[in-house]
Protein backbone atom coordinates (compact mmCIF):
# COMPACT_ATOMS: atom_id res chain seq x y z
CA MET A 1 -28.08 -38.49 -7.81
CA ASN A 2 -24.85 -36.58 -8.13
CA PRO A 3 -23.31 -35.53 -11.45
CA ILE A 4 -20.47 -37.67 -12.62
CA PRO A 5 -17.30 -37.54 -10.64
CA PRO A 6 -14.22 -36.51 -12.44
CA ASN A 7 -12.29 -39.31 -11.79
CA ALA A 8 -14.69 -41.82 -13.71
CA ALA A 9 -14.03 -43.15 -17.02
CA PRO A 10 -15.51 -41.31 -19.54
CA ALA A 11 -17.80 -42.44 -22.03
CA PRO A 12 -17.56 -43.51 -25.50
CA ARG A 13 -18.18 -41.08 -27.91
CA PRO A 14 -21.20 -42.49 -30.44
CA PRO A 15 -20.40 -42.34 -34.11
CA ARG A 16 -20.49 -39.27 -36.30
CA ARG A 17 -23.48 -41.00 -38.08
CA SER A 18 -25.36 -39.87 -34.71
CA LEU A 19 -24.07 -36.58 -36.15
CA LEU A 20 -25.77 -36.69 -39.40
CA GLY A 21 -28.51 -38.45 -37.86
CA LEU A 22 -29.32 -35.61 -35.83
CA LEU A 23 -28.49 -32.77 -38.69
CA GLY A 24 -31.12 -34.88 -40.50
CA MET A 25 -33.43 -34.55 -38.09
CA VAL A 26 -33.69 -30.80 -37.34
CA VAL A 27 -33.30 -30.55 -40.88
CA LEU A 28 -36.92 -32.38 -42.10
CA VAL A 29 -38.82 -31.44 -38.61
CA GLY A 30 -38.03 -27.89 -38.73
CA MET A 31 -39.00 -27.92 -42.40
CA GLY A 32 -42.36 -28.87 -41.78
CA GLU A 33 -42.60 -27.03 -38.88
CA HIS A 34 -42.26 -23.52 -40.50
CA MET A 35 -43.89 -24.51 -43.45
CA ALA A 36 -47.63 -25.38 -41.62
CA GLU A 37 -46.96 -23.15 -38.70
CA ARG A 38 -46.29 -19.86 -40.10
CA PHE A 39 -49.68 -19.85 -41.60
CA LEU A 40 -51.19 -20.46 -38.13
CA PRO A 41 -53.13 -17.05 -37.74
CA LEU A 42 -54.16 -17.36 -41.63
CA TYR A 43 -56.38 -21.03 -41.02
CA LEU A 44 -57.31 -19.36 -37.82
CA GLN A 45 -59.49 -17.52 -39.81
CA GLU A 46 -60.94 -19.31 -42.06
CA LEU A 47 -62.42 -21.96 -39.00
CA ALA A 48 -63.45 -19.12 -36.26
CA GLN A 49 -65.53 -15.87 -36.74
CA ALA A 50 -63.54 -12.66 -36.82
CA SER A 51 -63.43 -11.94 -33.37
CA THR A 52 -62.92 -15.42 -32.15
CA ALA A 53 -60.33 -15.61 -34.69
CA ILE A 54 -58.64 -12.59 -33.67
CA LEU A 55 -58.77 -14.27 -29.84
CA ALA A 56 -57.13 -17.52 -30.94
CA ILE A 57 -54.45 -15.56 -32.48
CA GLY A 58 -53.44 -13.89 -29.74
CA LEU A 59 -53.61 -16.88 -27.74
CA LEU A 60 -51.59 -18.77 -30.12
CA ALA A 61 -48.97 -15.86 -30.01
CA GLY A 62 -48.60 -15.67 -26.26
CA MET A 63 -48.89 -19.65 -25.66
CA ASP A 64 -46.18 -19.95 -28.34
CA ASP A 65 -43.55 -17.82 -25.78
CA LEU A 66 -44.68 -18.96 -22.77
CA LEU A 67 -44.60 -22.58 -23.51
CA SER A 68 -41.10 -22.11 -25.45
CA ALA A 69 -39.93 -21.11 -22.14
CA LEU A 70 -41.47 -24.28 -19.64
CA TYR A 71 -40.97 -26.82 -21.92
CA SER A 72 -37.21 -26.11 -21.72
CA PHE A 73 -36.47 -28.09 -18.49
CA PRO A 74 -39.08 -31.22 -19.04
CA GLY A 75 -37.00 -31.36 -22.45
CA GLY A 76 -33.64 -31.83 -20.44
CA TYR A 77 -35.23 -33.96 -17.53
CA LEU A 78 -36.55 -36.44 -20.45
CA SER A 79 -33.10 -36.62 -22.26
CA ASP A 80 -31.04 -37.29 -18.98
CA ARG A 81 -34.13 -39.83 -17.87
CA LEU A 82 -34.64 -41.97 -21.17
CA GLY A 83 -31.48 -41.01 -22.77
CA THR A 84 -30.86 -38.67 -26.00
CA LYS A 85 -32.19 -41.12 -28.87
CA ARG A 86 -35.48 -42.48 -26.48
CA ALA A 87 -36.09 -38.19 -25.82
CA LEU A 88 -35.74 -36.71 -29.17
CA LEU A 89 -37.92 -39.67 -30.64
CA LEU A 90 -40.57 -39.24 -27.96
CA PHE A 91 -40.44 -35.14 -28.89
CA ASN A 92 -41.35 -36.37 -32.17
CA ALA A 93 -44.18 -38.16 -31.41
CA LEU A 94 -45.95 -35.44 -29.86
CA SER A 95 -45.00 -33.26 -32.87
CA MET A 96 -46.93 -35.92 -34.81
CA LEU A 97 -49.92 -36.60 -32.61
CA GLY A 98 -49.97 -32.41 -32.68
CA TYR A 99 -49.95 -32.11 -36.20
CA ALA A 100 -52.84 -35.47 -36.26
CA THR A 101 -55.06 -33.09 -34.47
CA VAL A 102 -55.19 -29.88 -36.81
CA ILE A 103 -55.38 -32.54 -39.62
CA LEU A 104 -58.59 -34.22 -38.26
CA VAL A 105 -60.33 -31.61 -35.82
CA ARG A 106 -61.16 -28.92 -38.20
CA THR A 107 -62.14 -26.24 -35.43
CA TRP A 108 -59.86 -23.10 -33.65
CA TRP A 109 -59.37 -24.84 -30.76
CA ALA A 110 -58.39 -28.22 -31.86
CA VAL A 111 -55.16 -26.16 -33.78
CA LEU A 112 -54.56 -24.80 -30.39
CA VAL A 113 -54.29 -28.24 -28.52
CA GLY A 114 -52.30 -29.20 -31.64
CA ALA A 115 -50.35 -26.45 -31.78
CA ALA A 116 -49.34 -27.25 -28.27
CA LEU A 117 -47.83 -30.18 -28.83
CA PHE A 118 -45.57 -28.85 -32.11
CA ILE A 119 -44.74 -25.62 -32.11
CA SER A 120 -42.29 -25.76 -29.11
CA TRP A 121 -40.82 -28.77 -30.35
CA SER A 122 -37.23 -26.21 -30.79
CA ALA A 123 -37.17 -25.65 -26.97
CA ILE A 124 -38.26 -28.87 -25.72
CA SER A 125 -35.72 -30.88 -27.89
CA LEU A 126 -33.12 -28.22 -27.60
CA PRO A 127 -31.35 -29.24 -24.20
CA ALA A 128 -31.34 -33.36 -26.18
CA THR A 129 -30.05 -32.12 -29.00
CA MET A 130 -27.10 -29.70 -27.58
CA ASP A 131 -26.32 -33.28 -25.04
CA LEU A 132 -25.96 -35.21 -28.51
CA LEU A 133 -23.44 -32.60 -29.81
CA ALA A 134 -21.25 -32.67 -26.72
CA LYS A 135 -21.15 -36.32 -26.71
CA VAL A 136 -20.63 -36.36 -30.83
CA VAL A 137 -18.47 -33.46 -30.92
CA PRO A 138 -14.85 -33.01 -29.57
CA LYS A 139 -14.57 -30.37 -27.11
CA ASN A 140 -12.18 -28.26 -28.76
CA ARG A 141 -14.44 -28.15 -31.81
CA ARG A 142 -17.92 -27.43 -29.92
CA THR A 143 -18.00 -23.87 -31.04
CA MET A 144 -17.98 -25.02 -35.01
CA GLY A 145 -20.47 -28.15 -33.94
CA VAL A 146 -22.78 -26.00 -32.77
CA SER A 147 -21.87 -23.41 -35.20
CA VAL A 148 -23.06 -25.64 -38.10
CA LEU A 149 -26.31 -26.52 -36.37
CA ALA A 150 -27.37 -23.34 -36.34
CA LEU A 151 -26.58 -22.75 -39.92
CA VAL A 152 -28.69 -26.07 -40.71
CA ARG A 153 -31.51 -24.70 -38.34
CA ARG A 154 -31.74 -21.84 -41.05
CA LEU A 155 -32.65 -23.93 -43.96
CA PRO A 156 -35.89 -24.95 -43.40
CA LYS A 157 -36.67 -21.40 -42.14
CA MET A 158 -36.05 -20.29 -45.22
CA LEU A 159 -37.35 -23.01 -47.49
CA GLY A 160 -40.32 -24.29 -45.12
CA PRO A 161 -42.69 -21.12 -45.68
CA ILE A 162 -41.85 -20.64 -49.17
CA ALA A 163 -43.27 -24.30 -49.83
CA GLY A 164 -46.28 -23.54 -47.45
CA GLY A 165 -46.94 -20.79 -49.49
CA ALA A 166 -46.55 -23.16 -51.98
CA CYS A 167 -49.65 -25.00 -50.67
CA ILE A 168 -51.79 -22.17 -50.47
CA ALA A 169 -51.46 -21.09 -53.78
CA ILE A 170 -52.53 -24.29 -55.41
CA TRP A 171 -55.08 -25.45 -52.98
CA GLY A 172 -56.25 -22.39 -51.20
CA VAL A 173 -55.69 -20.91 -47.84
CA GLU A 174 -58.11 -23.92 -45.62
CA GLN A 175 -57.12 -27.00 -47.80
CA GLY A 176 -53.40 -25.78 -48.22
CA ILE A 177 -52.60 -25.02 -45.08
CA ARG A 178 -54.31 -28.63 -44.25
CA ASN A 179 -52.05 -30.56 -46.56
CA ALA A 180 -49.06 -28.44 -45.39
CA PHE A 181 -49.56 -29.85 -41.79
CA ILE A 182 -49.79 -33.52 -43.97
CA ALA A 183 -46.48 -32.85 -45.27
CA ALA A 184 -45.17 -31.92 -42.21
CA LEU A 185 -46.76 -35.42 -40.22
CA ALA A 186 -44.93 -37.40 -43.31
CA LEU A 187 -41.42 -35.35 -43.10
CA ALA A 188 -41.95 -35.72 -38.89
CA PHE A 189 -41.86 -39.62 -39.76
CA LEU A 190 -39.40 -39.95 -41.68
CA ALA A 191 -37.28 -37.75 -39.36
CA ALA A 192 -38.35 -40.32 -37.01
CA ILE A 193 -37.17 -42.95 -38.99
CA ILE A 194 -33.92 -41.35 -39.42
CA GLN A 195 -33.22 -41.09 -36.10
CA GLN A 196 -34.14 -45.13 -35.26
CA ARG A 197 -31.38 -46.30 -38.04
CA TRP A 198 -28.51 -43.25 -37.35
CA ILE A 199 -28.86 -41.81 -33.92
CA ALA A 200 -26.96 -44.11 -31.46
CA ASP A 201 -28.84 -45.77 -28.85
CA ASP A 202 -27.34 -44.30 -25.27
CA ALA A 203 -30.05 -45.35 -23.03
CA GLN A 204 -27.69 -46.85 -20.89
CA GLU A 205 -25.96 -44.00 -20.20
CA ALA A 206 -29.41 -42.71 -18.89
CA ARG A 207 -29.11 -41.04 -15.64
CA THR A 208 -31.65 -40.56 -13.07
CA PRO A 209 -32.24 -37.07 -13.45
CA GLU A 210 -32.76 -34.50 -10.47
CA ALA A 211 -36.67 -32.95 -11.07
CA ASN A 212 -36.24 -30.49 -7.75
CA PRO A 213 -35.42 -27.21 -9.95
CA LEU A 214 -33.68 -25.89 -6.95
CA ARG A 215 -31.31 -28.59 -5.92
CA LEU A 216 -30.55 -28.77 -9.74
CA TRP A 217 -29.97 -24.88 -9.12
CA ARG A 218 -26.89 -25.49 -6.46
CA GLU A 219 -25.13 -27.59 -9.12
CA MET A 220 -25.00 -25.03 -11.27
CA PRO A 221 -21.47 -23.81 -11.70
CA SER A 222 -20.61 -20.38 -10.41
CA GLY A 223 -19.36 -19.31 -13.72
CA LEU A 224 -22.72 -20.89 -15.77
CA ARG A 225 -24.90 -18.66 -12.90
CA ALA A 226 -22.85 -15.54 -14.26
CA LEU A 227 -23.13 -16.24 -17.41
CA LEU A 228 -27.40 -17.06 -17.01
CA ALA A 229 -27.40 -13.31 -15.33
CA SER A 230 -25.53 -11.38 -18.29
CA ASP A 231 -27.57 -13.54 -21.05
CA ILE A 232 -30.55 -12.48 -19.43
CA LEU A 233 -29.84 -8.55 -19.01
CA ILE A 234 -28.82 -9.06 -22.42
CA ARG A 235 -32.23 -10.93 -23.61
CA PHE A 236 -34.30 -7.64 -22.14
CA CYS A 237 -31.92 -5.61 -23.92
CA GLU A 238 -33.41 -7.22 -27.33
CA ARG A 239 -36.71 -7.98 -26.13
CA ILE A 240 -37.68 -4.48 -24.99
CA PRO A 241 -37.81 -2.66 -28.66
CA ASP A 242 -37.81 -6.09 -30.71
CA ALA A 243 -41.52 -6.26 -31.42
CA PHE A 244 -41.28 -2.62 -31.97
CA VAL A 245 -38.77 -1.99 -34.28
CA VAL A 246 -40.31 -2.32 -37.68
CA VAL A 247 -43.43 0.39 -36.33
CA TRP A 248 -39.92 2.45 -35.87
CA ALA A 249 -38.50 1.67 -39.50
CA THR A 250 -41.93 2.06 -41.23
CA ARG A 251 -43.83 4.78 -39.73
CA HIS A 252 -41.31 6.41 -36.90
CA VAL A 253 -37.83 7.61 -38.35
CA MET A 254 -37.38 11.03 -40.44
CA HIS A 255 -37.59 9.16 -43.23
CA PRO A 256 -39.53 5.67 -43.45
CA VAL A 257 -38.90 2.89 -45.58
CA SER A 258 -41.68 0.94 -47.19
CA GLU A 259 -42.51 -3.00 -45.57
CA LEU A 260 -40.74 -4.14 -48.81
CA THR A 261 -37.55 -2.20 -48.07
CA PHE A 262 -38.00 -3.27 -44.44
CA GLY A 263 -37.96 -7.38 -45.79
CA TRP A 264 -34.78 -6.34 -47.40
CA LEU A 265 -33.28 -4.91 -44.09
CA SER A 266 -34.43 -8.46 -42.73
CA ALA A 267 -32.92 -10.39 -45.26
CA ILE A 268 -29.76 -8.76 -44.66
CA GLU A 269 -29.91 -8.92 -41.00
CA ASN A 270 -30.24 -12.63 -41.97
CA VAL A 271 -27.32 -12.92 -44.22
CA THR A 272 -24.76 -11.25 -41.98
CA ALA A 273 -25.61 -13.48 -39.77
CA VAL A 274 -24.86 -16.60 -42.00
CA LEU A 275 -21.24 -15.26 -42.62
CA ILE A 276 -20.17 -14.62 -39.51
CA TYR A 277 -20.96 -18.22 -38.12
CA LEU A 278 -18.07 -20.44 -38.67
CA PRO A 279 -15.22 -17.80 -38.80
CA VAL A 280 -16.25 -17.01 -35.40
CA ALA A 281 -17.05 -20.63 -33.87
CA TYR A 282 -12.71 -21.50 -35.78
CA MET A 283 -11.78 -18.50 -33.39
CA ALA A 284 -13.61 -19.64 -30.89
CA ASP A 285 -12.37 -23.27 -30.42
CA ARG A 286 -8.78 -22.10 -30.79
CA PHE A 287 -8.73 -18.95 -28.62
CA GLY A 288 -11.43 -19.59 -26.27
CA LYS A 289 -15.06 -18.79 -26.08
CA LYS A 290 -15.32 -15.48 -23.71
CA PRO A 291 -14.00 -12.98 -25.67
CA PHE A 292 -16.65 -13.79 -29.02
CA VAL A 293 -19.28 -13.75 -26.41
CA LEU A 294 -18.85 -10.43 -24.83
CA ILE A 295 -18.49 -8.94 -28.51
CA THR A 296 -21.70 -10.54 -29.53
CA PHE A 297 -23.67 -8.77 -25.98
CA GLY A 298 -21.48 -5.62 -27.06
CA PHE A 299 -23.84 -6.25 -30.62
CA PHE A 300 -26.33 -7.06 -28.69
CA SER A 301 -25.77 -3.54 -26.65
CA LEU A 302 -25.08 -1.42 -29.51
CA PHE A 303 -28.09 -2.43 -31.48
CA PRO A 304 -30.96 -0.34 -29.76
CA LEU A 305 -28.35 2.63 -29.39
CA VAL A 306 -27.68 3.16 -33.22
CA LEU A 307 -31.44 2.58 -33.92
CA LEU A 308 -32.29 5.38 -32.43
CA HIS A 309 -30.18 7.66 -34.14
CA ALA A 310 -31.19 5.84 -37.91
CA GLN A 311 -33.96 8.17 -39.39
CA ALA A 312 -33.34 6.94 -43.12
CA LEU A 313 -32.25 4.02 -45.15
CA ALA A 314 -28.83 3.86 -44.89
CA PRO A 315 -28.48 3.85 -40.94
CA LEU A 316 -31.28 1.89 -40.93
CA THR A 317 -28.79 -0.51 -43.08
CA ALA A 318 -26.17 0.11 -40.74
CA ALA A 319 -28.61 -1.05 -37.82
CA PHE A 320 -29.81 -3.84 -39.47
CA VAL A 321 -26.32 -5.33 -39.88
CA LEU A 322 -25.86 -4.56 -36.54
CA ARG A 323 -28.73 -6.59 -36.13
CA GLY A 324 -27.26 -9.46 -37.57
CA LEU A 325 -23.56 -9.25 -35.82
CA LYS A 326 -26.12 -10.34 -32.90
CA GLU A 327 -25.31 -13.68 -34.26
CA PHE A 328 -21.16 -13.03 -33.99
CA GLY A 329 -21.41 -15.31 -30.84
CA GLU A 330 -24.69 -16.65 -30.10
CA PRO A 331 -23.40 -20.49 -31.16
CA THR A 332 -19.87 -19.92 -28.71
CA ARG A 333 -22.77 -18.47 -26.02
CA LYS A 334 -24.53 -22.43 -26.42
CA ALA A 335 -20.75 -23.86 -26.77
CA LEU A 336 -19.76 -22.15 -23.52
CA ILE A 337 -23.03 -23.71 -21.69
CA MET A 338 -22.16 -26.90 -22.65
CA ASP A 339 -18.77 -26.87 -21.54
CA LEU A 340 -19.22 -24.84 -18.25
CA ALA A 341 -21.95 -27.46 -16.68
CA PRO A 342 -20.76 -30.41 -15.45
CA GLU A 343 -20.82 -33.97 -17.10
CA GLY A 344 -23.84 -35.87 -16.65
CA ARG A 345 -25.95 -32.51 -15.98
CA LYS A 346 -25.42 -31.07 -19.66
CA ALA A 347 -29.13 -31.88 -20.52
CA ALA A 348 -30.49 -30.54 -17.24
CA LEU A 349 -28.98 -27.93 -16.34
CA PHE A 350 -29.32 -26.50 -20.41
CA GLY A 351 -33.35 -26.63 -19.84
CA LEU A 352 -32.80 -25.10 -16.48
CA TYR A 353 -30.68 -22.16 -17.74
CA TYR A 354 -33.35 -21.58 -20.83
CA LEU A 355 -36.15 -21.77 -18.19
CA ILE A 356 -34.89 -19.30 -15.86
CA ARG A 357 -34.08 -17.01 -18.61
CA ASP A 358 -36.87 -17.74 -20.95
CA VAL A 359 -39.43 -17.49 -17.91
CA LEU A 360 -38.00 -13.69 -16.89
CA VAL A 361 -37.65 -12.26 -20.42
CA ALA A 362 -41.18 -13.19 -21.41
CA PHE A 363 -41.65 -10.04 -19.50
CA ALA A 364 -39.73 -7.89 -21.27
CA ALA A 365 -42.04 -7.46 -23.77
CA PHE A 366 -44.85 -6.10 -21.96
CA GLY A 367 -42.63 -3.45 -20.05
CA GLY A 368 -41.22 -2.98 -23.56
CA ALA A 369 -44.86 -1.76 -24.81
CA LEU A 370 -45.15 0.17 -22.03
CA LEU A 371 -42.64 2.16 -22.50
CA TRP A 372 -43.32 2.38 -25.82
CA ARG A 373 -46.35 4.49 -25.10
CA ILE A 374 -44.57 6.44 -22.64
CA SER A 375 -41.99 7.07 -25.71
CA PRO A 376 -40.38 5.57 -28.31
CA GLU A 377 -36.82 7.02 -27.51
CA LEU A 378 -37.42 5.64 -23.99
CA ASN A 379 -37.86 2.36 -25.23
CA LEU A 380 -34.74 2.24 -27.29
CA LYS A 381 -32.57 4.08 -24.83
CA VAL A 382 -33.64 1.45 -21.76
CA ALA A 383 -32.46 -1.67 -24.09
CA PHE A 384 -29.71 -0.06 -24.39
CA GLY A 385 -29.26 0.74 -20.40
CA PHE A 386 -30.16 -3.17 -19.95
CA GLY A 387 -27.66 -4.11 -22.21
CA VAL A 388 -24.49 -2.40 -21.27
CA ALA A 389 -25.18 -3.76 -17.48
CA GLY A 390 -25.47 -7.78 -19.30
CA THR A 391 -21.99 -6.97 -20.99
CA LEU A 392 -20.56 -5.39 -18.03
CA TRP A 393 -21.34 -8.38 -15.41
CA PHE A 394 -20.36 -10.91 -18.13
CA ALA A 395 -16.65 -8.97 -18.56
CA TRP A 396 -16.43 -8.91 -14.67
CA LYS A 397 -17.90 -12.23 -13.76
CA GLY A 398 -17.99 -14.63 -16.69
CA ARG A 399 -15.71 -17.66 -17.01
CA ASP A 400 -14.11 -19.14 -20.71
CA CYS A 401 -13.15 -22.30 -21.50
CA VAL A 402 -10.05 -22.36 -23.66
CA SER A 403 -9.20 -26.07 -24.08
CA PRO A 404 -10.55 -29.62 -22.97
CA ASP A 405 -8.74 -29.98 -19.77
CA LYS A 406 -8.59 -26.72 -18.50
CA THR A 407 -10.78 -24.12 -17.23
CA VAL A 408 -9.87 -20.50 -16.42
CA ARG A 409 -11.20 -17.65 -14.76
CA PRO A 410 -10.35 -14.34 -16.07
CA GLN A 411 -8.32 -12.22 -13.53
CA PRO A 412 -9.89 -9.06 -12.03
C-alpha cells in the first residue's frame, strides 16, 4: 500500500496529553529497565557456575547488540499495522512477560529468555515513539520535541542503577536483583495504565504496512538514504574504538588515569550532552537541521583524533567534552529522519533505517578489536578516517528540511 498522497487531508493531531503519556511511559519503563538490567551479569554469576556464567554473560552482551538491530524494523511494522497506542501496549506487555520469566524461573537460561523480551524495549518501541512524537509535535518544533524526549530518557539511566544498587545493598545480590525485577514489573504495569488512559487511540489511522524491506527501501527518499549512508560511516567511527576507550585512558596513555577518574570523565561527557540538547534544538528548528547534523558528525570524527593525542588528564578531559558534544545534533538527526520520511511511512522507515544501520555497524566492534590487536593507534586513525568520510558524504549529498512546507536541496 502506498503512503498517504500529498493532497490527502492531514490526520488530526492527537492531544498534548498523549505527549505526557509518552514521557511518563519512557520514565517508568526505562526506570525499571535500568535498575534491573544493569546488574544482570551479577545475577548470572549467582545462578550459574563460573564457566557457564562467563558464557552466559557473553551471550547476553551479544544478544543485546543483535536484538537492538533486529527489533527496529518489526517495531515500525507493528506501529503501522496496529496504531501507535496499541503497538506501545504490546511492547510493554512483552517487557512484562520478560520480567516475569526472570522472576519466576531461577535459572541462567531463563534470564537470557526473559532478557530477549525486555532488553531491547527501547529499540522495538523507538519507531512507534517517534511516530507518536511526529503526530503530537508540530513539524517546526520536532527537534525540540526529540531533545526533550532524549533528556527524559537520560533520567532513568541516571536513577535506575542507583535504585538497583540500593536493592542489592539491602537484600544481597540474588534477592536484591530479583526485587529490582519485581519493581520493574510493577513500573511497567503502571506505565501500561498511563498509556491506556493518556495516549490517544489512533487505531483508525492504522495503515496496511509494507512487510517487505526491499519494497520499503524503494520508498525511502534519496535524502534519507544519503543520511543513512553517512550515519553508517559515522557509527563505524564511533564503534571501532568504543570498547577500548577505557583501556586507552587507564592503561595505554603516557600518564594513565584511575578507574574513578575515568568515571568522572564519563560524567563530564554526559553533563556536556545534557547542557547542549535544548539550545541546539531551538536553533535547529529555526534555521534548518542539516548544519547541526553536519557539526555533530564533525564532533564524532574528531573524538578519536583528539583521543589519539591525549596522553594525560587535561587533554583527556578535553577529549571527553568533545565526546559529549557528539550529542550536539543527535536529536536533530532523528527529527530530520521524521521530516524526510513520507507521511504514512514514518514508523516503518524509521525502523528500516535503524535495522540497516545497526546490523552493518554491529561488525564495527569486531573490526575494532582486530585493529586494536595490530595497534591501538591504528584503531583510532581508522575510526577518524570513517568519520571524515561520513561527514564529507553528508555535506555533499545530505538534504535539509527548513520549514513545515518546504524541503530544500543544498546547491553544489
